[in-house]
Amino acid sequence: MTEQQIIETLATKVMGWEKHEVELDLTDGGTQKFFDSWRMNGREVATHWSPLHNIADAIQLAEQAFGEEWILHKHDGGYSCKGVTSNGKIGNEYLEETREGAICNAVQQILEEYCNYLGECVRCKDETELMPYYSNGICLSCSEG
């Protein structure tokens, strides 16, 4: 995906915003649409929102996706981000070059169909990070052993 497609996906699927465009008449008689702003319930909420390049926007995204259940670390020359949604989905990204990239990639993971989640393993009964939903509730440790 292009950066613009990533931003649009995060804005619409995580933030719950709608893309507002204006249509301008061109001198050749045609028309062209241009991005104007992000809107929610008909009200403008953002214009230059760019979580891939602006840490404040990335933090806003993480808080929307994970609430208070997320953490950002700097280590080994890069950044990692891990967060858990209110329904237990886990976004986990290791060693991105930027803080913004780590946050955005962690949030993108919760949008994937087979995202890992937190819960009680059906085998060992520990509350742990479980494999994707299709793994029948087996944790990573039990699936390897």
C-alpha atoms as a PDB file:
ATOM      1  CA  MET A   1       0.000   0.000   0.000  1.00  0.00           C
ATOM      2  CA  THR A   2       1.095   3.557  -0.612  1.00  0.00           C
ATOM      3  CA  GLU A   3       1.498   5.976   2.280  1.00  0.00           C
ATOM      4  CA  GLN A   4      -1.723   7.709   1.263  1.00  0.00           C
ATOM      5  CA  GLN A   5      -3.621   4.405   1.226  1.00  0.00           C
ATOM      6  CA  ILE A   6      -2.253   3.553   4.690  1.00  0.00           C
ATOM      7  CA  ILE A   7      -3.313   6.941   6.066  1.00  0.00           C
ATOM      8  CA  GLU A   8      -6.774   6.618   4.508  1.00  0.00           C
ATOM      9  CA  THR A   9      -7.199   3.096   5.912  1.00  0.00           C
ATOM     10  CA  LEU A  10      -6.157   4.176   9.417  1.00  0.00           C
ATOM     11  CA  ALA A  11      -8.323   7.309   9.278  1.00  0.00           C
ATOM     12  CA  THR A  12     -11.451   5.471   8.151  1.00  0.00           C
ATOM     13  CA  LYS A  13     -11.157   2.075   9.860  1.00  0.00           C
ATOM     14  CA  VAL A  14      -9.547   3.095  13.168  1.00  0.00           C
ATOM     15  CA  MET A  15     -10.385   6.753  13.694  1.00  0.00           C
ATOM     16  CA  GLY A  16     -13.873   6.391  12.172  1.00  0.00           C
ATOM     17  CA  TRP A  17     -13.483   9.430   9.934  1.00  0.00           C
ATOM     18  CA  GLU A  18     -14.829  10.112   6.471  1.00  0.00           C
ATOM     19  CA  LYS A  19     -12.749  11.586   3.678  1.00  0.00           C
ATOM     20  CA  HIS A  20     -14.180  14.890   2.467  1.00  0.00           C
ATOM     21  CA  GLU A  21     -13.269  16.023  -1.012  1.00  0.00           C
ATOM     22  CA  VAL A  22     -14.171  19.111  -2.987  1.00  0.00           C
ATOM     23  CA  GLU A  23     -14.816  19.015  -6.695  1.00  0.00           C
ATOM     24  CA  LEU A  24     -13.334  21.809  -8.750  1.00  0.00           C
ATOM     25  CA  ASP A  25     -14.185  22.799 -12.297  1.00  0.00           C
ATOM     26  CA  LEU A  26     -11.153  22.762 -14.579  1.00  0.00           C
ATOM     27  CA  THR A  27     -10.518  25.207 -17.414  1.00  0.00           C
ATOM     28  CA  ASP A  28     -10.861  22.412 -19.985  1.00  0.00           C
ATOM     29  CA  GLY A  29     -14.459  21.810 -18.917  1.00  0.00           C
ATOM     30  CA  GLY A  30     -13.704  18.771 -16.756  1.00  0.00           C
ATOM     31  CA  THR A  31     -13.761  18.410 -12.997  1.00  0.00           C
ATOM     32  CA  GLN A  32     -11.284  17.069 -10.480  1.00  0.00           C
ATOM     33  CA  LYS A  33     -11.688  16.060  -6.851  1.00  0.00           C
ATOM     34  CA  PHE A  34      -9.221  17.255  -4.229  1.00  0.00           C
ATOM     35  CA  PHE A  35      -8.837  16.179  -0.611  1.00  0.00           C
ATOM     36  CA  ASP A  36     -10.225  18.795   1.751  1.00  0.00           C
ATOM     37  CA  SER A  37     -10.429  17.316   5.255  1.00  0.00           C
ATOM     38  CA  TRP A  38     -11.308  14.377   7.490  1.00  0.00           C
ATOM     39  CA  ARG A  39     -14.805  14.584   8.932  1.00  0.00           C
ATOM     40  CA  MET A  40     -16.859  12.830  11.563  1.00  0.00           C
ATOM     41  CA  ASN A  41     -20.620  13.323  11.767  1.00  0.00           C
ATOM     42  CA  GLY A  42     -20.331  16.093   9.200  1.00  0.00           C
ATOM     43  CA  ARG A  43     -17.808  18.102  11.241  1.00  0.00           C
ATOM     44  CA  GLU A  44     -14.193  18.660  10.271  1.00  0.00           C
ATOM     45  CA  VAL A  45     -11.826  16.837  12.667  1.00  0.00           C
ATOM     46  CA  ALA A  46      -8.491  17.000  10.820  1.00  0.00           C
ATOM     47  CA  THR A  47      -6.904  18.441   7.688  1.00  0.00           C
ATOM     48  CA  HIS A  48      -3.220  17.523   7.599  1.00  0.00           C
ATOM     49  CA  TRP A  49      -3.388  14.294   9.642  1.00  0.00           C
ATOM     50  CA  SER A  50      -0.274  12.222   8.960  1.00  0.00           C
ATOM     51  CA  PRO A  51       0.442   9.521  11.585  1.00  0.00           C
ATOM     52  CA  LEU A  52       3.329   8.135   9.497  1.00  0.00           C
ATOM     53  CA  HIS A  53       5.242  11.415   9.868  1.00  0.00           C
ATOM     54  CA  ASN A  54       3.805  13.252  12.876  1.00  0.00           C
ATOM     55  CA  ILE A  55       4.235  11.770  16.364  1.00  0.00           C
ATOM     56  CA  ALA A  56       1.210  13.621  17.775  1.00  0.00           C
ATOM     57  CA  ASP A  57      -1.005  12.104  15.072  1.00  0.00           C
ATOM     58  CA  ALA A  58       0.540   8.658  15.652  1.00  0.00           C
ATOM     59  CA  ILE A  59      -0.150   8.898  19.398  1.00  0.00           C
ATOM     60  CA  GLN A  60      -3.734   9.963  18.668  1.00  0.00           C
ATOM     61  CA  LEU A  61      -4.050   6.852  16.481  1.00  0.00           C
ATOM     62  CA  ALA A  62      -2.583   4.547  19.166  1.00  0.00           C
ATOM     63  CA  GLU A  63      -4.922   5.949  21.813  1.00  0.00           C
ATOM     64  CA  GLN A  64      -7.936   5.437  19.544  1.00  0.00           C
ATOM     65  CA  ALA A  65      -6.910   1.868  18.689  1.00  0.00           C
ATOM     66  CA  PHE A  66      -5.563   0.689  22.041  1.00  0.00           C
ATOM     67  CA  GLY A  67      -6.832   3.128  24.670  1.00  0.00           C
ATOM     68  CA  GLU A  68      -4.256   3.040  27.462  1.00  0.00           C
ATOM     69  CA  GLU A  69      -3.039  -0.496  26.655  1.00  0.00           C
ATOM     70  CA  TRP A  70      -0.020   0.309  24.480  1.00  0.00           C
ATOM     71  CA  ILE A  71       3.687   0.931  24.875  1.00  0.00           C
ATOM     72  CA  LEU A  72       6.444   2.337  22.668  1.00  0.00           C
ATOM     73  CA  HIS A  73      10.102   1.372  23.194  1.00  0.00           C
ATOM     74  CA  LYS A  74      13.363   2.566  21.692  1.00  0.00           C
ATOM     75  CA  HIS A  75      15.991  -0.145  21.382  1.00  0.00           C
ATOM     76  CA  ASP A  76      18.579  -1.621  19.016  1.00  0.00           C
ATOM     77  CA  GLY A  77      18.581   1.445  16.793  1.00  0.00           C
ATOM     78  CA  GLY A  78      14.844   1.403  16.203  1.00  0.00           C
ATOM     79  CA  TYR A  79      11.430   1.480  17.818  1.00  0.00           C
ATOM     80  CA  SER A  80       8.856  -1.106  18.777  1.00  0.00           C
ATOM     81  CA  CYS A  81       5.210  -0.694  19.682  1.00  0.00           C
ATOM     82  CA  LYS A  82       2.775  -3.126  21.244  1.00  0.00           C
ATOM     83  CA  GLY A  83      -0.859  -2.544  22.067  1.00  0.00           C
ATOM     84  CA  VAL A  84      -4.001  -4.466  22.959  1.00  0.00           C
ATOM     85  CA  THR A  85      -7.498  -3.455  21.871  1.00  0.00           C
ATOM     86  CA  SER A  86     -10.500  -3.580  24.164  1.00  0.00           C
ATOM     87  CA  ASN A  87     -11.556  -6.891  22.546  1.00  0.00           C
ATOM     88  CA  GLY A  88      -8.089  -8.440  23.011  1.00  0.00           C
ATOM     89  CA  LYS A  89      -6.548  -8.030  19.546  1.00  0.00           C
ATOM     90  CA  ILE A  90      -2.784  -7.484  19.655  1.00  0.00           C
ATOM     91  CA  GLY A  91      -0.758  -5.130  17.499  1.00  0.00           C
ATOM     92  CA  ASN A  92       2.976  -5.750  17.860  1.00  0.00           C
ATOM     93  CA  GLU A  93       5.710  -4.199  15.722  1.00  0.00           C
ATOM     94  CA  TYR A  94       9.467  -4.598  16.229  1.00  0.00           C
ATOM     95  CA  LEU A  95      12.307  -2.405  15.060  1.00  0.00           C
ATOM     96  CA  GLU A  96      10.829   0.211  12.818  1.00  0.00           C
ATOM     97  CA  GLU A  97      13.076   3.143  11.978  1.00  0.00           C
ATOM     98  CA  THR A  98      10.637   5.700  13.384  1.00  0.00           C
ATOM     99  CA  ARG A  99       8.254   5.910  16.326  1.00  0.00           C
ATOM    100  CA  GLU A 100       5.466   6.794  13.944  1.00  0.00           C
ATOM    101  CA  GLY A 101       6.163   3.750  11.767  1.00  0.00           C
ATOM    102  CA  ALA A 102       6.158   1.401  14.760  1.00  0.00           C
ATOM    103  CA  ILE A 103       2.819   2.771  15.986  1.00  0.00           C
ATOM    104  CA  CYS A 104       1.151   2.729  12.567  1.00  0.00           C
ATOM    105  CA  ASN A 105       2.302  -0.815  11.806  1.00  0.00           C
ATOM    106  CA  ALA A 106       1.133  -2.088  15.204  1.00  0.00           C
ATOM    107  CA  VAL A 107      -2.276  -0.505  14.626  1.00  0.00           C
ATOM    108  CA  GLN A 108      -2.483  -1.922  11.098  1.00  0.00           C
ATOM    109  CA  GLN A 109      -2.063  -5.425  12.521  1.00  0.00           C
ATOM    110  CA  ILE A 110      -5.333  -5.211  14.457  1.00  0.00           C
ATOM    111  CA  LEU A 111      -7.115  -4.641  11.153  1.00  0.00           C
ATOM    112  CA  GLU A 112      -5.880  -7.967   9.785  1.00  0.00           C
ATOM    113  CA  GLU A 113      -8.283 -10.894   9.840  1.00  0.00           C
ATOM    114  CA  TYR A 114      -5.880 -13.246  11.604  1.00  0.00           C
ATOM    115  CA  CYS A 115      -4.504 -10.916  14.253  1.00  0.00           C
ATOM    116  CA  ASN A 116      -3.236 -12.570  17.473  1.00  0.00           C
ATOM    117  CA  TYR A 117      -5.231 -11.869  20.616  1.00  0.00           C
ATOM    118  CA  LEU A 118      -5.121 -12.151  24.397  1.00  0.00           C
ATOM    119  CA  GLY A 119      -7.082 -14.795  26.196  1.00  0.00           C
ATOM    120  CA  GLU A 120      -7.015 -18.056  28.107  1.00  0.00           C
ATOM    121  CA  CYS A 121      -5.301 -20.925  26.292  1.00  0.00           C
ATOM    122  CA  VAL A 122      -7.571 -23.947  25.894  1.00  0.00           C
ATOM    123  CA  ARG A 123      -4.664 -26.276  26.743  1.00  0.00           C
ATOM    124  CA  CYS A 124      -2.594 -24.692  29.519  1.00  0.00           C
ATOM    125  CA  LYS A 125      -5.341 -22.297  30.755  1.00  0.00           C
ATOM    126  CA  ASP A 126      -2.839 -19.412  31.075  1.00  0.00           C
ATOM    127  CA  GLU A 127      -3.951 -15.911  30.161  1.00  0.00           C
ATOM    128  CA  THR A 128      -1.542 -15.244  27.328  1.00  0.00           C
ATOM    129  CA  GLU A 129      -1.053 -14.103  23.771  1.00  0.00           C
ATOM    130  CA  LEU A 130      -2.912 -16.592  21.623  1.00  0.00           C
ATOM    131  CA  MET A 131      -2.482 -17.528  18.018  1.00  0.00           C
ATOM    132  CA  PRO A 132      -4.880 -16.051  15.455  1.00  0.00           C
ATOM    133  CA  TYR A 133      -8.569 -16.872  15.812  1.00  0.00           C
ATOM    134  CA  TYR A 134      -8.322 -19.848  13.461  1.00  0.00           C
ATOM    135  CA  SER A 135      -5.907 -21.656  15.836  1.00  0.00           C
ATOM    136  CA  ASN A 136      -8.741 -22.674  18.190  1.00  0.00           C
ATOM    137  CA  GLY A 137      -7.478 -20.714  21.198  1.00  0.00           C
ATOM    138  CA  ILE A 138      -4.030 -22.317  21.573  1.00  0.00           C
ATOM    139  CA  CYS A 139      -1.183 -20.123  22.864  1.00  0.00           C
ATOM    140  CA  LEU A 140       2.195 -19.765  21.205  1.00  0.00           C
ATOM    141  CA  SER A 141       3.926 -21.976  23.805  1.00  0.00           C
ATOM    142  CA  CYS A 142       1.452 -24.858  23.473  1.00  0.00           C
ATOM    143  CA  SER A 143       1.473 -24.665  19.684  1.00  0.00           C
ATOM    144  CA  GLU A 144       5.270 -25.106  19.615  1.00  0.00           C
ATOM    145  CA  GLY A 145       5.403 -27.972  22.139  1.00  0.00           C
END
